[in-house]
N, C-alpha and C. Protein backbone atom coordinates (compact mmCIF):
# COMPACT_ATOMS: atom_id res chain seq x y z
N PRO A 1 0.60 -1.21 -0.11
CA PRO A 1 0.00 -0.10 -0.16
C PRO A 1 0.98 1.17 -0.06
N PRO A 2 0.29 2.41 -0.47
CA PRO A 2 1.15 3.62 -0.51
C PRO A 2 1.36 4.27 1.18
N VAL A 3 2.62 4.78 0.98
CA VAL A 3 2.64 5.42 2.27
C VAL A 3 2.97 6.63 2.42
N ASP A 4 2.57 7.52 3.11
CA ASP A 4 2.63 9.08 3.30
C ASP A 4 4.07 9.66 3.19
N ILE A 5 4.42 10.54 2.77
CA ILE A 5 5.45 11.34 2.98
C ILE A 5 5.70 12.44 3.83
N ASN A 6 6.24 12.21 5.03
CA ASN A 6 5.85 13.26 5.82
C ASN A 6 7.00 14.51 5.94
N ASP A 7 8.25 14.41 5.31
CA ASP A 7 9.26 15.27 5.32
C ASP A 7 9.82 15.37 3.76
N GLY A 8 10.58 16.30 4.16
CA GLY A 8 11.22 16.83 2.55
C GLY A 8 10.59 17.51 1.66
N PRO A 9 11.01 18.04 0.26
CA PRO A 9 10.11 18.44 -0.70
C PRO A 9 9.28 17.81 -1.15
N ASN A 10 8.94 16.57 -1.24
CA ASN A 10 7.32 15.91 -1.39
C ASN A 10 6.42 15.32 -0.12
N LYS A 11 6.44 16.52 1.04
CA LYS A 11 5.79 16.18 2.21
C LYS A 11 4.28 16.45 1.46
N GLY A 12 3.66 15.24 2.45
CA GLY A 12 2.02 15.12 1.87
C GLY A 12 1.73 14.60 0.49
N GLY A 13 2.64 13.69 -0.03
CA GLY A 13 2.79 13.25 -1.44
C GLY A 13 2.58 11.76 -1.06
N LEU A 14 2.50 10.47 -1.60
CA LEU A 14 2.68 9.25 -1.56
C LEU A 14 3.64 8.72 -2.05
N VAL A 15 4.22 7.58 -1.31
CA VAL A 15 5.28 6.46 -2.21
C VAL A 15 4.70 5.14 -1.96
N VAL A 16 5.44 4.64 -3.15
CA VAL A 16 5.11 2.69 -2.80
C VAL A 16 6.45 2.70 -3.61
N TYR A 17 6.95 1.10 -2.75
CA TYR A 17 8.31 0.40 -3.25
C TYR A 17 7.67 -0.88 -3.74
N MET A 18 8.58 -1.40 -4.75
CA MET A 18 7.95 -2.46 -5.20
C MET A 18 9.56 -3.36 -5.84
N GLU A 19 9.21 -4.48 -6.26
CA GLU A 19 10.45 -5.29 -6.51
C GLU A 19 9.73 -5.72 -7.96
N ASP A 20 10.82 -5.58 -8.85
CA ASP A 20 10.46 -6.55 -10.14
C ASP A 20 10.56 -7.76 -10.26
N PRO A 21 10.54 -8.67 -11.23
CA PRO A 21 11.14 -9.99 -11.35
C PRO A 21 12.75 -10.30 -11.52
N ASP A 22 13.05 -9.14 -11.84
CA ASP A 22 14.76 -9.06 -11.98
C ASP A 22 15.29 -9.03 -10.41
N GLY A 23 14.63 -8.43 -9.23
CA GLY A 23 15.04 -8.07 -8.13
C GLY A 23 15.49 -6.47 -8.06
N ASN A 24 15.13 -5.82 -9.01
CA ASN A 24 15.43 -4.47 -8.86
C ASN A 24 14.27 -3.56 -8.12
N THR A 25 14.85 -2.68 -7.73
CA THR A 25 13.77 -1.94 -6.54
C THR A 25 13.03 -0.53 -7.08
N LEU A 26 11.46 -0.82 -7.42
CA LEU A 26 11.30 0.59 -7.95
C LEU A 26 10.58 1.24 -6.94
N GLU A 27 10.61 2.68 -7.18
CA GLU A 27 10.11 3.96 -6.25
C GLU A 27 8.98 4.58 -6.98
N LEU A 28 8.20 4.31 -6.66
CA LEU A 28 7.00 5.22 -7.52
C LEU A 28 6.34 6.50 -6.39
N ILE A 29 6.58 7.56 -6.81
CA ILE A 29 6.01 8.78 -6.05
C ILE A 29 5.07 9.38 -6.55
N GLN A 30 3.94 9.74 -5.88
CA GLN A 30 2.90 10.68 -6.39
C GLN A 30 3.19 12.30 -5.28
N PRO A 31 3.76 13.08 -6.34
CA PRO A 31 3.69 14.58 -5.26
C PRO A 31 2.78 14.88 -4.79
N PRO A 32 2.80 15.95 -4.02
CA PRO A 32 1.60 16.51 -3.06
C PRO A 32 0.97 17.33 -4.02
N ARG A 33 -0.27 17.78 -3.96
CA ARG A 33 -1.12 18.50 -4.62
C ARG A 33 -0.51 20.12 -4.34
N ARG A 34 -0.35 20.80 -5.22
CA ARG A 34 0.23 22.24 -4.60
C ARG A 34 -1.00 23.14 -5.00
């Protein structure tokens, strides 16, 4: 599930981490509404 970003320039956004079939970690960020 997405995690709230509580600090930094993306504070108020969401982030999710996942692993692809090759073992690479992917980070998807939804920036906060401005």
